[in-house]
Amino acid sequence: ILSENKKGDTKVVRHLFHFGKEWSAPATEFIPSETKGAVLMVGDKGRSKLANEVKKALGEGNRVLVLDPFYFGESKIRTHDFLFAILVAAVGERPLGIQASQVASSASWLKEKAGTAVEIRSYGPRSSLFALIATVLEKKAIGSLEAHDSLKSLKEILNNNWGANKYPELFCFGLLEHFDIPLLKSLAQPSKVNLLP
């Protein structure tokens, strides 16, 4: 815990999660006095841009955790970030895998704290892909995924002529060959996955 304060009936807790010795990610948790559910949010523009979405989820009676995984928000590398993706891949890791594991671990932590299955809400094609992979990996903690502005197929990356300089984690060697979005969605069952435009 980095800090804690109250805004009305909602407790606001700022965290820095550590994933092993190498990785960390900042998060902000909003805990209303009474909760019905738990929502973990990630977005392509970072957690600071999700204020309206947080307000909506709190209005629904949810405990909310907003996370900035590797490459996003406060975890964004300021310059030449795509070169770090190449460096990470050179040692056998994948940025997409790092992001998905950070979301899966955070969802597991939130489920333990909230005592209920977690709903992930992602905003943007990049976040929606690693959130979907996290949902496949962590079925015990993640009950559902609501992915806004999600890709319908990884072929869209090629059709849109996206480059690794702007979308580095989407260029994950072998992913499209073996696991396109429809297959990942089916692998996430029994978790409910809703891919939204």
C-alpha atoms as a PDB file:
ATOM      1  CA  ILE A   1       0.000   0.000   0.000  1.00  0.00           C
ATOM      2  CA  LEU A   2       1.375   3.378  -1.032  1.00  0.00           C
ATOM      3  CA  SER A   3      -1.409   5.546   0.379  1.00  0.00           C
ATOM      4  CA  GLU A   4      -4.967   5.422   1.639  1.00  0.00           C
ATOM      5  CA  ASN A   5      -7.702   8.027   1.991  1.00  0.00           C
ATOM      6  CA  LYS A   6     -11.480   8.420   1.877  1.00  0.00           C
ATOM      7  CA  LYS A   7     -13.731  10.200  -0.598  1.00  0.00           C
ATOM      8  CA  GLY A   8     -17.229  10.206   0.831  1.00  0.00           C
ATOM      9  CA  ASP A   9     -18.195   6.593   1.567  1.00  0.00           C
ATOM     10  CA  THR A  10     -15.447   5.198  -0.672  1.00  0.00           C
ATOM     11  CA  LYS A  11     -11.993   4.231   0.534  1.00  0.00           C
ATOM     12  CA  VAL A  12      -9.261   4.900  -2.065  1.00  0.00           C
ATOM     13  CA  VAL A  13      -6.102   2.794  -1.770  1.00  0.00           C
ATOM     14  CA  ARG A  14      -3.038   3.212  -3.985  1.00  0.00           C
ATOM     15  CA  HIS A  15      -0.991   0.037  -4.445  1.00  0.00           C
ATOM     16  CA  LEU A  16       2.243  -0.994  -6.081  1.00  0.00           C
ATOM     17  CA  PHE A  17       1.955  -4.694  -6.911  1.00  0.00           C
ATOM     18  CA  HIS A  18       5.163  -6.718  -7.211  1.00  0.00           C
ATOM     19  CA  PHE A  19       5.254  -9.732  -9.531  1.00  0.00           C
ATOM     20  CA  GLY A  20       8.355 -11.697  -8.628  1.00  0.00           C
ATOM     21  CA  LYS A  21      11.601  -9.724  -8.335  1.00  0.00           C
ATOM     22  CA  GLU A  22      11.547  -8.100 -11.778  1.00  0.00           C
ATOM     23  CA  TRP A  23       8.121  -6.566 -12.356  1.00  0.00           C
ATOM     24  CA  SER A  24       5.786  -4.171 -10.589  1.00  0.00           C
ATOM     25  CA  ALA A  25       2.607  -2.340 -11.569  1.00  0.00           C
ATOM     26  CA  PRO A  26       0.724   0.533  -9.912  1.00  0.00           C
ATOM     27  CA  ALA A  27      -2.982   0.226  -9.165  1.00  0.00           C
ATOM     28  CA  THR A  28      -5.738   2.215  -7.486  1.00  0.00           C
ATOM     29  CA  GLU A  29      -8.474   0.459  -5.534  1.00  0.00           C
ATOM     30  CA  PHE A  30     -11.881   1.961  -4.765  1.00  0.00           C
ATOM     31  CA  ILE A  31     -13.777   0.273  -1.927  1.00  0.00           C
ATOM     32  CA  PRO A  32     -17.365   1.453  -1.266  1.00  0.00           C
ATOM     33  CA  SER A  33     -18.887   0.887   2.174  1.00  0.00           C
ATOM     34  CA  GLU A  34     -21.127  -1.833   0.678  1.00  0.00           C
ATOM     35  CA  THR A  35     -20.167  -3.934  -2.337  1.00  0.00           C
ATOM     36  CA  LYS A  36     -21.984  -6.428  -4.558  1.00  0.00           C
ATOM     37  CA  GLY A  37     -19.167  -7.354  -6.916  1.00  0.00           C
ATOM     38  CA  ALA A  38     -15.546  -6.786  -7.913  1.00  0.00           C
ATOM     39  CA  VAL A  39     -14.260  -5.219 -11.130  1.00  0.00           C
ATOM     40  CA  LEU A  40     -10.683  -5.019 -12.396  1.00  0.00           C
ATOM     41  CA  MET A  41     -10.120  -2.381 -15.100  1.00  0.00           C
ATOM     42  CA  VAL A  42      -7.327  -1.917 -17.638  1.00  0.00           C
ATOM     43  CA  GLY A  43      -7.156   0.485 -20.561  1.00  0.00           C
ATOM     44  CA  ASP A  44      -4.937   1.359 -23.490  1.00  0.00           C
ATOM     45  CA  LYS A  45      -4.759   4.983 -22.289  1.00  0.00           C
ATOM     46  CA  GLY A  46      -3.871   4.062 -18.704  1.00  0.00           C
ATOM     47  CA  ARG A  47      -5.874   4.042 -15.512  1.00  0.00           C
ATOM     48  CA  SER A  48      -5.945   7.840 -15.132  1.00  0.00           C
ATOM     49  CA  LYS A  49      -8.256   8.017 -18.194  1.00  0.00           C
ATOM     50  CA  LEU A  50     -10.834   5.593 -16.757  1.00  0.00           C
ATOM     51  CA  ALA A  51     -12.513   7.955 -14.263  1.00  0.00           C
ATOM     52  CA  ASN A  52     -15.972   7.747 -15.895  1.00  0.00           C
ATOM     53  CA  GLU A  53     -15.779   3.954 -16.122  1.00  0.00           C
ATOM     54  CA  VAL A  54     -14.732   3.735 -12.440  1.00  0.00           C
ATOM     55  CA  LYS A  55     -17.628   6.008 -11.439  1.00  0.00           C
ATOM     56  CA  LYS A  56     -20.067   3.796 -13.359  1.00  0.00           C
ATOM     57  CA  ALA A  57     -18.738   0.588 -11.761  1.00  0.00           C
ATOM     58  CA  LEU A  58     -18.885   2.144  -8.283  1.00  0.00           C
ATOM     59  CA  GLY A  59     -22.467   3.233  -8.989  1.00  0.00           C
ATOM     60  CA  GLU A  60     -23.271  -0.425  -9.685  1.00  0.00           C
ATOM     61  CA  GLY A  61     -22.008  -1.311  -6.195  1.00  0.00           C
ATOM     62  CA  ASN A  62     -18.661  -2.788  -7.209  1.00  0.00           C
ATOM     63  CA  ARG A  63     -15.287  -2.777  -5.533  1.00  0.00           C
ATOM     64  CA  VAL A  64     -12.954  -1.529  -8.300  1.00  0.00           C
ATOM     65  CA  LEU A  65      -9.251  -2.096  -8.940  1.00  0.00           C
ATOM     66  CA  VAL A  66      -7.705  -0.100 -11.805  1.00  0.00           C
ATOM     67  CA  LEU A  67      -4.334  -1.448 -12.954  1.00  0.00           C
ATOM     68  CA  ASP A  68      -1.514  -0.099 -15.146  1.00  0.00           C
ATOM     69  CA  PRO A  69       0.267  -3.257 -16.349  1.00  0.00           C
ATOM     70  CA  PHE A  70       3.571  -3.271 -18.228  1.00  0.00           C
ATOM     71  CA  TYR A  71       3.588  -0.667 -21.073  1.00  0.00           C
ATOM     72  CA  PHE A  72       0.485   1.278 -19.976  1.00  0.00           C
ATOM     73  CA  GLY A  73      -0.279   4.394 -17.941  1.00  0.00           C
ATOM     74  CA  GLU A  74       2.328   4.904 -15.236  1.00  0.00           C
ATOM     75  CA  SER A  75       4.062   1.699 -16.347  1.00  0.00           C
ATOM     76  CA  LYS A  76       4.666   3.115 -19.824  1.00  0.00           C
ATOM     77  CA  ILE A  77       8.277   3.447 -20.899  1.00  0.00           C
ATOM     78  CA  ARG A  78       8.726   7.068 -21.965  1.00  0.00           C
ATOM     79  CA  THR A  79      10.796   6.699 -25.131  1.00  0.00           C
ATOM     80  CA  HIS A  80      11.530   3.898 -27.589  1.00  0.00           C
ATOM     81  CA  ASP A  81       9.266   1.573 -25.630  1.00  0.00           C
ATOM     82  CA  PHE A  82       8.992  -0.888 -28.532  1.00  0.00           C
ATOM     83  CA  LEU A  83      12.720  -1.581 -28.228  1.00  0.00           C
ATOM     84  CA  PHE A  84      12.086  -2.974 -24.737  1.00  0.00           C
ATOM     85  CA  ALA A  85       9.603  -5.418 -26.285  1.00  0.00           C
ATOM     86  CA  ILE A  86      12.375  -6.654 -28.576  1.00  0.00           C
ATOM     87  CA  LEU A  87      14.761  -6.892 -25.625  1.00  0.00           C
ATOM     88  CA  VAL A  88      12.228  -8.827 -23.532  1.00  0.00           C
ATOM     89  CA  ALA A  89      11.575 -11.187 -26.467  1.00  0.00           C
ATOM     90  CA  ALA A  90      15.324 -11.694 -26.918  1.00  0.00           C
ATOM     91  CA  VAL A  91      15.501 -13.313 -23.471  1.00  0.00           C
ATOM     92  CA  GLY A  92      12.520 -15.581 -24.165  1.00  0.00           C
ATOM     93  CA  GLU A  93       9.704 -13.553 -22.609  1.00  0.00           C
ATOM     94  CA  ARG A  94       6.728 -11.951 -24.347  1.00  0.00           C
ATOM     95  CA  PRO A  95       5.329  -8.519 -23.406  1.00  0.00           C
ATOM     96  CA  LEU A  96       1.821  -9.903 -23.989  1.00  0.00           C
ATOM     97  CA  GLY A  97       2.508 -12.737 -21.549  1.00  0.00           C
ATOM     98  CA  ILE A  98       3.857 -10.328 -18.932  1.00  0.00           C
ATOM     99  CA  GLN A  99       0.742  -8.157 -19.210  1.00  0.00           C
ATOM    100  CA  ALA A 100      -1.649 -11.114 -19.099  1.00  0.00           C
ATOM    101  CA  SER A 101       0.103 -12.599 -16.056  1.00  0.00           C
ATOM    102  CA  GLN A 102      -0.003  -9.248 -14.228  1.00  0.00           C
ATOM    103  CA  VAL A 103      -3.754  -8.973 -14.867  1.00  0.00           C
ATOM    104  CA  ALA A 104      -4.350 -12.616 -13.881  1.00  0.00           C
ATOM    105  CA  SER A 105      -2.358 -12.225 -10.637  1.00  0.00           C
ATOM    106  CA  SER A 106      -4.130  -8.963  -9.777  1.00  0.00           C
ATOM    107  CA  ALA A 107      -7.522 -10.589 -10.405  1.00  0.00           C
ATOM    108  CA  SER A 108      -6.574 -13.445  -8.104  1.00  0.00           C
ATOM    109  CA  TRP A 109      -5.562 -10.955  -5.398  1.00  0.00           C
ATOM    110  CA  LEU A 110      -8.821  -8.997  -5.838  1.00  0.00           C
ATOM    111  CA  LYS A 111     -10.940 -12.151  -5.628  1.00  0.00           C
ATOM    112  CA  GLU A 112      -9.254 -13.043  -2.347  1.00  0.00           C
ATOM    113  CA  LYS A 113      -9.876  -9.546  -0.929  1.00  0.00           C
ATOM    114  CA  ALA A 114     -13.444  -9.136  -2.247  1.00  0.00           C
ATOM    115  CA  GLY A 115     -14.542 -12.733  -1.713  1.00  0.00           C
ATOM    116  CA  THR A 116     -16.216 -12.933  -5.118  1.00  0.00           C
ATOM    117  CA  ALA A 117     -15.324 -13.712  -8.737  1.00  0.00           C
ATOM    118  CA  VAL A 118     -13.839 -10.746 -10.579  1.00  0.00           C
ATOM    119  CA  GLU A 119     -15.221  -9.093 -13.697  1.00  0.00           C
ATOM    120  CA  ILE A 120     -12.542  -7.614 -15.944  1.00  0.00           C
ATOM    121  CA  ARG A 121     -13.414  -4.559 -18.001  1.00  0.00           C
ATOM    122  CA  SER A 122     -10.875  -3.618 -20.647  1.00  0.00           C
ATOM    123  CA  TYR A 123     -10.828  -0.549 -22.870  1.00  0.00           C
ATOM    124  CA  GLY A 124      -8.923  -0.683 -26.153  1.00  0.00           C
ATOM    125  CA  PRO A 125      -7.663  -3.402 -28.498  1.00  0.00           C
ATOM    126  CA  ARG A 126      -4.321  -3.898 -26.750  1.00  0.00           C
ATOM    127  CA  SER A 127      -5.776  -4.171 -23.243  1.00  0.00           C
ATOM    128  CA  SER A 128      -8.620  -6.358 -24.454  1.00  0.00           C
ATOM    129  CA  LEU A 129      -6.211  -8.930 -25.894  1.00  0.00           C
ATOM    130  CA  PHE A 130      -4.133  -9.386 -22.746  1.00  0.00           C
ATOM    131  CA  ALA A 131      -7.295  -9.276 -20.609  1.00  0.00           C
ATOM    132  CA  LEU A 132      -8.740 -12.103 -22.726  1.00  0.00           C
ATOM    133  CA  ILE A 133      -5.554 -14.143 -22.293  1.00  0.00           C
ATOM    134  CA  ALA A 134      -5.643 -13.462 -18.533  1.00  0.00           C
ATOM    135  CA  THR A 135      -9.242 -14.746 -18.483  1.00  0.00           C
ATOM    136  CA  VAL A 136      -8.086 -17.970 -20.146  1.00  0.00           C
ATOM    137  CA  LEU A 137      -5.248 -18.333 -17.614  1.00  0.00           C
ATOM    138  CA  GLU A 138      -7.117 -17.484 -14.380  1.00  0.00           C
ATOM    139  CA  LYS A 139     -10.552 -19.082 -14.495  1.00  0.00           C
ATOM    140  CA  LYS A 140     -10.772 -19.490 -10.713  1.00  0.00           C
ATOM    141  CA  ALA A 141     -10.625 -15.749 -10.063  1.00  0.00           C
ATOM    142  CA  ILE A 142     -12.079 -14.241 -13.258  1.00  0.00           C
ATOM    143  CA  GLY A 143     -15.790 -14.776 -13.757  1.00  0.00           C
ATOM    144  CA  SER A 144     -16.264 -12.591 -16.813  1.00  0.00           C
ATOM    145  CA  LEU A 145     -14.639 -10.192 -19.269  1.00  0.00           C
ATOM    146  CA  GLU A 146     -16.241  -7.152 -20.864  1.00  0.00           C
ATOM    147  CA  ALA A 147     -13.793  -6.061 -23.582  1.00  0.00           C
ATOM    148  CA  HIS A 148     -14.488  -2.665 -25.159  1.00  0.00           C
ATOM    149  CA  ASP A 149     -12.996  -1.841 -28.578  1.00  0.00           C
ATOM    150  CA  SER A 150     -11.753  -5.417 -28.817  1.00  0.00           C
ATOM    151  CA  LEU A 151     -10.212  -7.058 -31.851  1.00  0.00           C
ATOM    152  CA  LYS A 152     -12.474  -9.697 -33.430  1.00  0.00           C
ATOM    153  CA  SER A 153      -9.460 -11.396 -35.018  1.00  0.00           C
ATOM    154  CA  LEU A 154      -5.697 -10.993 -34.778  1.00  0.00           C
ATOM    155  CA  LYS A 155      -5.770 -10.662 -38.577  1.00  0.00           C
ATOM    156  CA  GLU A 156      -6.974  -7.084 -38.000  1.00  0.00           C
ATOM    157  CA  ILE A 157      -3.397  -6.245 -36.952  1.00  0.00           C
ATOM    158  CA  LEU A 158      -2.230  -7.154 -40.463  1.00  0.00           C
ATOM    159  CA  ASN A 159      -5.258  -5.690 -42.261  1.00  0.00           C
ATOM    160  CA  ASN A 160      -4.808  -2.350 -40.436  1.00  0.00           C
ATOM    161  CA  ASN A 161      -1.063  -2.395 -41.161  1.00  0.00           C
ATOM    162  CA  TRP A 162      -0.223  -1.828 -37.500  1.00  0.00           C
ATOM    163  CA  GLY A 163       3.460  -1.714 -36.614  1.00  0.00           C
ATOM    164  CA  ALA A 164       5.426  -3.103 -33.697  1.00  0.00           C
ATOM    165  CA  ASN A 165       6.540   0.444 -32.889  1.00  0.00           C
ATOM    166  CA  LYS A 166       2.991   1.346 -31.728  1.00  0.00           C
ATOM    167  CA  TYR A 167       1.538  -2.045 -30.806  1.00  0.00           C
ATOM    168  CA  PRO A 168       4.563  -4.046 -29.607  1.00  0.00           C
ATOM    169  CA  GLU A 169       2.839  -6.741 -27.537  1.00  0.00           C
ATOM    170  CA  LEU A 170       0.469  -7.631 -30.393  1.00  0.00           C
ATOM    171  CA  PHE A 171       3.431  -8.983 -32.351  1.00  0.00           C
ATOM    172  CA  CYS A 172       3.750 -12.152 -30.311  1.00  0.00           C
ATOM    173  CA  PHE A 173       5.507 -14.843 -32.344  1.00  0.00           C
ATOM    174  CA  GLY A 174       3.232 -17.786 -33.160  1.00  0.00           C
ATOM    175  CA  LEU A 175       0.106 -16.351 -31.514  1.00  0.00           C
ATOM    176  CA  LEU A 176      -2.009 -15.904 -34.658  1.00  0.00           C
ATOM    177  CA  GLU A 177      -0.802 -19.221 -36.043  1.00  0.00           C
ATOM    178  CA  HIS A 178      -2.227 -21.135 -33.070  1.00  0.00           C
ATOM    179  CA  PHE A 179      -4.655 -18.883 -31.140  1.00  0.00           C
ATOM    180  CA  ASP A 180      -6.927 -16.381 -32.849  1.00  0.00           C
ATOM    181  CA  ILE A 181      -9.540 -14.427 -30.840  1.00  0.00           C
ATOM    182  CA  PRO A 182     -12.477 -16.872 -31.345  1.00  0.00           C
ATOM    183  CA  LEU A 183     -10.369 -19.772 -30.031  1.00  0.00           C
ATOM    184  CA  LEU A 184      -9.160 -17.726 -27.035  1.00  0.00           C
ATOM    185  CA  LYS A 185     -12.786 -16.804 -26.301  1.00  0.00           C
ATOM    186  CA  SER A 186     -13.817 -20.469 -26.306  1.00  0.00           C
ATOM    187  CA  LEU A 187     -10.809 -21.408 -24.133  1.00  0.00           C
ATOM    188  CA  ALA A 188     -11.953 -18.857 -21.538  1.00  0.00           C
ATOM    189  CA  GLN A 189     -15.125 -20.849 -20.785  1.00  0.00           C
ATOM    190  CA  PRO A 190     -16.832 -21.156 -18.357  1.00  0.00           C
ATOM    191  CA  SER A 191     -15.917 -17.479 -17.848  1.00  0.00           C
ATOM    192  CA  LYS A 192     -18.293 -15.268 -19.822  1.00  0.00           C
ATOM    193  CA  VAL A 193     -16.557 -13.159 -22.499  1.00  0.00           C
ATOM    194  CA  ASN A 194     -18.298 -10.203 -24.144  1.00  0.00           C
ATOM    195  CA  LEU A 195     -16.292  -8.572 -26.968  1.00  0.00           C
ATOM    196  CA  LEU A 196     -17.719  -5.127 -27.661  1.00  0.00           C
ATOM    197  CA  PRO A 197     -17.007  -2.715 -30.534  1.00  0.00           C
END
